[in-house]
Amino acid sequence: MTLFDENVSVVPTPRRPLRRRALVGTWSLAIAVIVLFVMTFLPTAYVIQQPGPVFNTLGSSTGADGQQVPLISVPDEDDDTSSGQLDLLTVQVSGNRERTPSWVELVSAWFDRSRAVVPIDRIFPAGQTTEQRNTENAALMTDSQVEASAAALRELGYDVPQQSTVVTVTDDGASAGLLQPDDVITTVDGAQVRNVEAVRAEVQARAGAPVTIGYERGGTPGTVQVTPRQREVDGQQQWLLGIALMQSFDLPIDVKIQLNDVGGPSAGMMFALGIIDKMSPGDLTGGQHIAGTGTIDADGNVGAIGGIRQKLYGARDAGATVFLAPESNCNEVVGHVPDGIRVFSTSTLTQSLTVLQTIRDGGDLDALPTCGS
């Protein structure tokens, strides 16, 4: 039993004050937690690019009805089942204007070599919705499939006629009242123009001077003089005719490419290689797992694409050991090649085929062009 004297004051032992360093640490931790919590919900001006799904152009894909169908099919295929793969690669974008990644997600991506943090304006231009971007990418995918089919058939020796057709005429543009939708553009100042790029190049070369446009309307040829007008396009001043052109081809072979929910033009080269493999005897891959990327035009020129670093890692993760990269992307490839993959550069469909044939025949791979030489 404890007795207390009511006349005696009991004074508790005073607590020792927190040391200054401990106090500062406590406040710093509290502030960091608050900042981290706030940053989780603050909007950002960036999105994240990361490796997306990989598709074997010699294999199958999921059709609109959910069934597996050949990714590429041609009539009377002259091809046995390939023991190798020709993979096309995709890039996924995490975030959009409606929902941007949090700062925490951005920091995590920053330290991951397979992902990239990029300004949102580079992927989603101001004023463009996610739906509009998806629609544009779907159109680019369709165009790339047609261009790839034309390039592959020409490489195989087929004659593939093409033409540039007027789709729309701007009401207040330079060609208003002069050209009409469905007109086929044939010449610019007498120079034959085989594609949309050639029309643009001829117009730009004349720096605003009037040009004589040759066309066919309902099968009847005609000419008209148009004075281009200068406008800013993607930050650059260009001379415009005030028309939208579409490239079309008369394909002698009915090539079908079925790939849903993938957009953009960067699979063009791999589509072309897949078509050539399907229409040629033997195995173009030599049994190897090959991946690649690059746009392609009907003349077989391979062009630059975006997200090549993410595609390199996507190829590595899918098991590819060989990667075909556009020569114009080589500056982004050097120093960013994952272990286990050998990269060869290419600028044409013919060069890409040379790489595959060298691999198949066991030739000298060191003699092939790379992004380091």
Protein backbone atom coordinates (compact mmCIF):
# COMPACT_ATOMS: atom_id res chain seq x y z
CA MET A 1 0.00 0.00 0.00
CA THR A 2 1.34 3.43 -1.02
CA LEU A 3 0.69 6.43 1.19
CA PHE A 4 0.68 10.05 -0.03
CA ASP A 5 1.15 13.09 2.13
CA GLU A 6 -1.41 15.65 1.02
CA ASN A 7 1.02 18.42 1.88
CA VAL A 8 3.67 17.11 -0.40
CA SER A 9 3.66 18.11 -4.09
CA VAL A 10 4.65 15.48 -6.55
CA VAL A 11 6.49 17.00 -9.51
CA PRO A 12 6.72 14.77 -12.63
CA THR A 13 10.08 14.25 -14.16
CA PRO A 14 10.39 16.77 -17.06
CA ARG A 15 10.62 15.32 -20.57
CA ARG A 16 13.82 15.89 -22.36
CA PRO A 17 13.25 18.24 -25.36
CA LEU A 18 13.57 16.70 -28.82
CA ARG A 19 16.91 17.29 -30.33
CA ARG A 20 16.92 19.83 -33.17
CA ARG A 21 18.06 17.20 -35.72
CA ALA A 22 15.25 14.79 -34.77
CA LEU A 23 12.70 17.62 -34.95
CA VAL A 24 13.87 18.67 -38.38
CA GLY A 25 13.75 15.04 -39.57
CA THR A 26 10.22 14.57 -38.31
CA TRP A 27 8.98 17.70 -40.06
CA SER A 28 10.82 16.80 -43.26
CA LEU A 29 9.20 13.37 -43.31
CA ALA A 30 5.77 14.87 -42.70
CA ILE A 31 6.22 17.42 -45.47
CA ALA A 32 7.48 14.72 -47.88
CA VAL A 33 4.42 12.58 -47.19
CA ILE A 34 2.11 15.55 -47.78
CA VAL A 35 3.91 16.50 -51.01
CA LEU A 36 3.81 12.89 -52.22
CA PHE A 37 0.09 12.71 -51.46
CA VAL A 38 -0.60 15.97 -53.31
CA MET A 39 1.57 14.98 -56.30
CA THR A 40 -0.42 11.77 -56.65
CA PHE A 41 -3.46 13.79 -57.66
CA LEU A 42 -1.92 16.82 -59.39
CA PRO A 43 -2.31 16.77 -63.21
CA THR A 44 0.87 16.47 -65.25
CA ALA A 45 1.91 17.49 -68.76
CA TYR A 46 3.45 14.14 -69.69
CA VAL A 47 2.54 10.62 -70.78
CA ILE A 48 4.50 7.36 -70.63
CA GLN A 49 5.55 5.27 -73.62
CA GLN A 50 6.17 1.59 -72.93
CA PRO A 51 6.50 -1.65 -74.91
CA GLY A 52 3.19 -2.85 -76.33
CA PRO A 53 1.93 -6.16 -77.74
CA VAL A 54 4.05 -8.02 -80.31
CA PHE A 55 2.51 -9.71 -83.36
CA ASN A 56 4.05 -12.32 -85.64
CA THR A 57 3.16 -11.34 -89.23
CA LEU A 58 3.53 -15.01 -90.23
CA GLY A 59 1.10 -16.11 -87.53
CA SER A 60 -2.48 -15.34 -86.60
CA SER A 61 -4.44 -12.57 -84.95
CA THR A 62 -7.86 -12.21 -83.39
CA GLY A 63 -10.51 -11.31 -85.96
CA ALA A 64 -13.52 -9.07 -85.46
CA ASP A 65 -15.60 -12.11 -84.47
CA GLY A 66 -13.09 -13.18 -81.83
CA GLN A 67 -11.79 -16.10 -83.89
CA GLN A 68 -8.13 -16.64 -84.81
CA VAL A 69 -7.37 -15.75 -88.44
CA PRO A 70 -4.12 -15.46 -90.43
CA LEU A 71 -2.62 -12.02 -89.88
CA ILE A 72 -1.63 -11.98 -93.56
CA SER A 73 -3.30 -14.05 -96.25
CA VAL A 74 -2.88 -14.13 -100.04
CA PRO A 75 -4.49 -16.35 -102.67
CA ASP A 76 -2.57 -19.54 -103.54
CA GLU A 77 0.11 -19.02 -100.89
CA ASP A 78 3.42 -20.51 -102.04
CA ASP A 79 4.71 -20.98 -98.54
CA ASP A 80 5.16 -23.75 -95.99
CA THR A 81 4.66 -23.05 -92.31
CA SER A 82 7.57 -20.92 -91.18
CA SER A 83 9.76 -22.17 -88.37
CA GLY A 84 10.74 -18.61 -87.52
CA GLN A 85 8.95 -15.35 -86.78
CA LEU A 86 8.71 -11.89 -88.30
CA ASP A 87 7.44 -9.74 -85.45
CA LEU A 88 5.92 -6.29 -85.72
CA LEU A 89 6.13 -4.20 -82.57
CA THR A 90 3.86 -1.69 -80.90
CA VAL A 91 4.16 1.01 -78.27
CA GLN A 92 1.56 1.58 -75.59
CA VAL A 93 0.89 5.06 -74.25
CA SER A 94 -0.06 5.35 -70.59
CA GLY A 95 -2.15 8.46 -70.09
CA ASN A 96 -4.04 10.92 -72.25
CA ARG A 97 -5.48 14.42 -71.97
CA GLU A 98 -8.42 13.13 -69.99
CA ARG A 99 -6.21 11.30 -67.50
CA THR A 100 -2.48 11.98 -67.23
CA PRO A 101 -0.08 9.76 -65.25
CA SER A 102 0.64 10.83 -61.68
CA TRP A 103 4.01 12.24 -60.70
CA VAL A 104 4.70 9.01 -58.85
CA GLU A 105 4.13 7.02 -62.07
CA LEU A 106 6.35 9.41 -63.99
CA VAL A 107 9.22 9.05 -61.52
CA SER A 108 8.92 5.27 -61.71
CA ALA A 109 9.00 5.36 -65.53
CA TRP A 110 11.95 7.75 -65.54
CA PHE A 111 14.19 5.08 -63.98
CA ASP A 112 12.95 2.28 -66.27
CA ARG A 113 15.02 1.99 -69.48
CA SER A 114 12.18 0.28 -71.31
CA ARG A 115 9.85 3.24 -70.77
CA ALA A 116 10.01 6.92 -71.70
CA VAL A 117 8.42 10.05 -70.28
CA VAL A 118 7.39 12.38 -73.11
CA PRO A 119 5.48 15.69 -73.27
CA ILE A 120 1.79 15.10 -73.82
CA ASP A 121 1.71 17.55 -76.77
CA ARG A 122 4.04 15.24 -78.71
CA ILE A 123 1.53 12.39 -78.56
CA PHE A 124 -1.76 14.27 -78.24
CA PRO A 125 -1.55 17.60 -80.12
CA ALA A 126 -3.44 20.46 -78.53
CA GLY A 127 -7.10 20.40 -79.48
CA GLN A 128 -7.06 16.71 -80.43
CA THR A 129 -9.13 14.28 -78.39
CA THR A 130 -8.21 10.66 -77.71
CA GLU A 131 -10.99 9.56 -80.06
CA GLN A 132 -9.66 11.78 -82.85
CA ARG A 133 -6.16 10.42 -82.33
CA ASN A 134 -7.41 6.84 -82.49
CA THR A 135 -9.30 7.59 -85.70
CA GLU A 136 -6.20 9.16 -87.27
CA ASN A 137 -4.01 6.22 -86.24
CA ALA A 138 -6.52 3.75 -87.67
CA ALA A 139 -6.38 5.57 -91.01
CA LEU A 140 -2.56 5.53 -90.93
CA MET A 141 -2.62 1.79 -90.26
CA THR A 142 -4.91 1.21 -93.24
CA ASP A 143 -2.65 3.30 -95.49
CA SER A 144 0.45 1.45 -94.28
CA GLN A 145 -1.11 -1.91 -95.15
CA VAL A 146 -1.91 -0.77 -98.69
CA GLU A 147 1.56 0.75 -99.18
CA ALA A 148 3.17 -2.42 -97.79
CA SER A 149 1.14 -4.59 -100.16
CA ALA A 150 2.17 -2.44 -103.12
CA ALA A 151 5.84 -2.44 -102.07
CA ALA A 152 5.90 -6.22 -101.58
CA LEU A 153 4.23 -6.97 -104.91
CA ARG A 154 6.58 -4.61 -106.75
CA GLU A 155 9.55 -6.29 -105.05
CA LEU A 156 8.21 -9.59 -106.37
CA GLY A 157 8.03 -8.20 -109.91
CA TYR A 158 4.35 -7.28 -110.21
CA ASP A 159 3.18 -4.12 -111.93
CA VAL A 160 1.23 -2.02 -109.42
CA PRO A 161 -0.30 1.13 -110.94
CA GLN A 162 -1.01 4.00 -108.55
CA GLN A 163 -2.68 7.39 -108.63
CA SER A 164 -3.25 10.47 -106.48
CA THR A 165 -6.93 11.33 -106.17
CA VAL A 166 -8.45 14.56 -104.84
CA VAL A 167 -10.55 13.78 -101.76
CA THR A 168 -11.64 17.30 -100.75
CA VAL A 169 -11.20 20.85 -102.01
CA THR A 170 -11.01 23.63 -99.41
CA ASP A 171 -13.80 26.14 -99.98
CA ASP A 172 -11.50 29.15 -99.71
CA GLY A 173 -8.32 27.39 -100.89
CA ALA A 174 -6.20 27.95 -103.98
CA SER A 175 -7.97 25.22 -105.99
CA ALA A 176 -11.56 26.21 -105.18
CA GLY A 177 -13.60 26.19 -108.40
CA LEU A 178 -10.68 24.69 -110.33
CA LEU A 179 -10.30 21.12 -109.10
CA GLN A 180 -13.00 18.74 -107.86
CA PRO A 181 -13.20 15.68 -105.61
CA ASP A 182 -12.32 12.46 -107.51
CA ASP A 183 -10.00 14.32 -109.92
CA VAL A 184 -6.86 12.25 -110.50
CA ILE A 185 -3.69 14.39 -110.45
CA THR A 186 -1.29 13.30 -113.19
CA THR A 187 1.25 16.13 -113.71
CA VAL A 188 2.60 19.33 -112.14
CA ASP A 189 4.01 21.72 -114.78
CA GLY A 190 4.32 18.77 -117.12
CA ALA A 191 6.26 16.60 -114.66
CA GLN A 192 4.71 13.19 -114.01
CA VAL A 193 3.74 12.71 -110.37
CA ARG A 194 3.35 9.12 -109.21
CA ASN A 195 2.33 9.77 -105.62
CA VAL A 196 1.13 12.38 -103.14
CA GLU A 197 4.66 13.17 -101.95
CA ALA A 198 5.73 13.96 -105.51
CA VAL A 199 2.83 16.42 -105.94
CA ARG A 200 3.81 18.20 -102.73
CA ALA A 201 7.50 18.29 -103.65
CA GLU A 202 6.84 19.80 -107.09
CA VAL A 203 4.59 22.49 -105.60
CA GLN A 204 7.09 23.38 -102.85
CA ALA A 205 9.93 23.59 -105.38
CA ARG A 206 8.16 26.43 -107.21
CA ALA A 207 7.98 28.57 -104.05
CA GLY A 208 4.53 30.01 -104.68
CA ALA A 209 4.69 30.48 -108.43
CA PRO A 210 1.56 29.43 -110.39
CA VAL A 211 1.62 25.76 -111.39
CA THR A 212 -0.19 23.93 -114.14
CA ILE A 213 -1.96 20.87 -112.76
CA GLY A 214 -2.73 18.02 -115.14
CA TYR A 215 -5.66 15.85 -114.12
CA GLU A 216 -8.21 13.31 -115.26
CA ARG A 217 -11.88 13.86 -114.50
CA GLY A 218 -14.15 10.93 -115.29
CA GLY A 219 -11.51 9.59 -117.65
CA THR A 220 -11.17 12.89 -119.53
CA PRO A 221 -7.79 14.68 -119.24
CA GLY A 222 -7.52 18.38 -118.51
CA THR A 223 -5.24 21.08 -117.12
CA VAL A 224 -5.75 24.04 -114.81
CA GLN A 225 -3.43 26.73 -113.44
CA VAL A 226 -3.36 27.10 -109.66
CA THR A 227 -1.48 29.66 -107.57
CA PRO A 228 -0.48 28.01 -104.26
CA ARG A 229 -1.02 29.85 -101.00
CA GLN A 230 1.38 29.81 -98.10
CA ARG A 231 0.19 28.44 -94.77
CA GLU A 232 1.80 27.22 -91.56
CA VAL A 233 1.70 23.43 -91.20
CA ASP A 234 3.23 21.76 -88.12
CA GLY A 235 5.21 24.91 -87.39
CA GLN A 236 6.58 25.28 -90.92
CA GLN A 237 5.53 27.51 -93.81
CA GLN A 238 4.37 25.48 -96.81
CA TRP A 239 2.82 26.22 -100.20
CA LEU A 240 -0.58 24.54 -100.48
CA LEU A 241 -3.01 23.84 -103.31
CA GLY A 242 -5.94 23.72 -100.92
CA ILE A 243 -6.76 20.08 -101.65
CA ALA A 244 -6.52 16.79 -99.76
CA LEU A 245 -5.08 13.91 -101.77
CA MET A 246 -5.40 10.16 -101.29
CA GLN A 247 -2.97 7.61 -102.67
CA SER A 248 -4.63 4.57 -104.25
CA PHE A 249 -3.26 1.45 -105.91
CA ASP A 250 -4.52 -1.12 -108.37
CA LEU A 251 -3.22 -4.27 -106.66
CA PRO A 252 -3.00 -7.33 -108.97
CA ILE A 253 -3.16 -9.67 -105.96
CA ASP A 254 -5.80 -9.57 -103.23
CA VAL A 255 -3.68 -9.23 -100.09
CA LYS A 256 -5.57 -9.33 -96.78
CA ILE A 257 -4.09 -8.05 -93.53
CA GLN A 258 -6.16 -8.50 -90.38
CA LEU A 259 -4.92 -6.79 -87.23
CA ASN A 260 -7.40 -5.14 -84.88
CA ASP A 261 -6.85 -2.45 -82.25
CA VAL A 262 -3.43 -1.40 -83.58
CA GLY A 263 -2.88 1.99 -85.22
CA GLY A 264 -0.16 4.03 -86.88
CA PRO A 265 2.11 3.46 -89.88
CA SER A 266 5.18 1.90 -88.25
CA ALA A 267 4.38 -1.75 -89.07
CA GLY A 268 4.62 -1.18 -92.84
CA MET A 269 8.02 -2.78 -93.41
CA MET A 270 7.18 -5.90 -91.40
CA PHE A 271 3.87 -6.27 -93.27
CA ALA A 272 5.79 -6.16 -96.56
CA LEU A 273 8.28 -8.79 -95.40
CA GLY A 274 5.44 -11.00 -94.21
CA ILE A 275 3.68 -10.74 -97.58
CA ILE A 276 6.87 -11.63 -99.45
CA ASP A 277 7.42 -14.65 -97.18
CA LYS A 278 3.83 -15.79 -97.76
CA MET A 279 4.21 -15.50 -101.55
CA SER A 280 7.67 -17.07 -101.79
CA PRO A 281 8.74 -20.71 -101.45
CA GLY A 282 10.82 -21.64 -98.43
CA ASP A 283 11.30 -19.90 -95.12
CA LEU A 284 12.49 -16.31 -95.36
CA THR A 285 13.46 -16.25 -91.66
CA GLY A 286 15.80 -19.22 -91.74
CA GLY A 287 14.08 -20.38 -88.55
CA GLN A 288 15.19 -17.28 -86.65
CA HIS A 289 13.07 -15.03 -84.42
CA ILE A 290 13.30 -11.65 -86.14
CA ALA A 291 11.60 -8.40 -85.16
CA GLY A 292 11.59 -4.99 -86.80
CA THR A 293 9.89 -1.70 -87.39
CA GLY A 294 9.67 1.08 -89.96
CA THR A 295 7.21 2.79 -92.23
CA ILE A 296 7.26 1.91 -95.92
CA ASP A 297 6.06 3.51 -99.12
CA ALA A 298 5.01 1.80 -102.33
CA ASP A 299 8.52 2.22 -103.74
CA GLY A 300 10.00 0.24 -100.84
CA ASN A 301 11.59 3.11 -98.91
CA VAL A 302 11.78 2.48 -95.16
CA GLY A 303 11.12 5.48 -92.92
CA ALA A 304 11.58 6.52 -89.31
CA ILE A 305 9.13 5.69 -86.54
CA GLY A 306 8.56 6.76 -82.94
CA GLY A 307 9.21 4.81 -79.75
CA ILE A 308 12.03 2.70 -81.12
CA ARG A 309 13.66 2.23 -77.71
CA GLN A 310 10.46 0.75 -76.33
CA LYS A 311 10.21 -1.50 -79.39
CA LEU A 312 13.75 -2.77 -78.84
CA TYR A 313 12.82 -3.90 -75.34
CA GLY A 314 9.51 -5.30 -76.56
CA ALA A 315 11.40 -7.38 -79.14
CA ARG A 316 13.86 -8.62 -76.52
CA ASP A 317 11.07 -9.58 -74.13
CA ALA A 318 9.26 -11.46 -76.94
CA GLY A 319 12.37 -13.59 -77.58
CA ALA A 320 13.68 -11.97 -80.79
CA THR A 321 17.42 -12.12 -81.41
CA VAL A 322 17.53 -9.97 -84.57
CA PHE A 323 16.09 -6.47 -84.96
CA LEU A 324 15.64 -4.49 -88.20
CA ALA A 325 15.77 -0.74 -87.50
CA PRO A 326 15.21 2.15 -89.92
CA GLU A 327 18.52 3.82 -90.74
CA SER A 328 16.93 7.17 -89.95
CA ASN A 329 16.34 6.00 -86.34
CA CYS A 330 19.92 4.89 -85.73
CA ASN A 331 20.75 7.91 -83.56
CA GLU A 332 18.09 6.68 -81.10
CA VAL A 333 19.30 3.09 -81.23
CA VAL A 334 23.00 3.55 -80.41
CA GLY A 335 23.56 3.00 -76.70
CA HIS A 336 20.07 1.64 -76.08
CA VAL A 337 20.23 -1.93 -77.42
CA PRO A 338 19.19 -4.55 -74.81
CA ASP A 339 21.43 -7.54 -74.27
CA GLY A 340 20.64 -10.51 -76.48
CA ILE A 341 19.57 -8.61 -79.60
CA ARG A 342 21.57 -7.78 -82.72
CA VAL A 343 20.42 -4.71 -84.63
CA PHE A 344 20.80 -4.16 -88.37
CA SER A 345 19.89 -0.90 -90.09
CA THR A 346 17.87 -0.62 -93.27
CA SER A 347 16.57 2.12 -95.53
CA THR A 348 14.81 0.02 -98.19
CA LEU A 349 12.79 -3.17 -98.43
CA THR A 350 15.52 -4.66 -100.61
CA GLN A 351 18.10 -4.07 -97.84
CA SER A 352 15.81 -5.71 -95.30
CA LEU A 353 15.49 -8.77 -97.54
CA THR A 354 19.29 -8.88 -97.88
CA VAL A 355 19.60 -9.08 -94.10
CA LEU A 356 17.08 -11.92 -93.92
CA GLN A 357 18.67 -13.83 -96.78
CA THR A 358 22.12 -13.47 -95.20
CA ILE A 359 20.79 -14.84 -91.91
CA ARG A 360 18.96 -17.69 -93.66
CA ASP A 361 21.99 -18.67 -95.75
CA GLY A 362 24.47 -18.41 -92.87
CA GLY A 363 26.33 -15.55 -94.54
CA ASP A 364 28.66 -12.93 -93.09
CA LEU A 365 26.52 -10.91 -90.67
CA ASP A 366 29.46 -8.61 -89.90
CA ALA A 367 29.27 -7.32 -93.47
CA LEU A 368 25.70 -6.05 -92.99
CA PRO A 369 24.98 -2.42 -92.09
CA THR A 370 24.32 -1.65 -88.42
CA CYS A 371 23.51 1.48 -86.50
CA GLY A 372 27.13 1.66 -85.41
CA SER A 373 28.59 1.63 -88.94
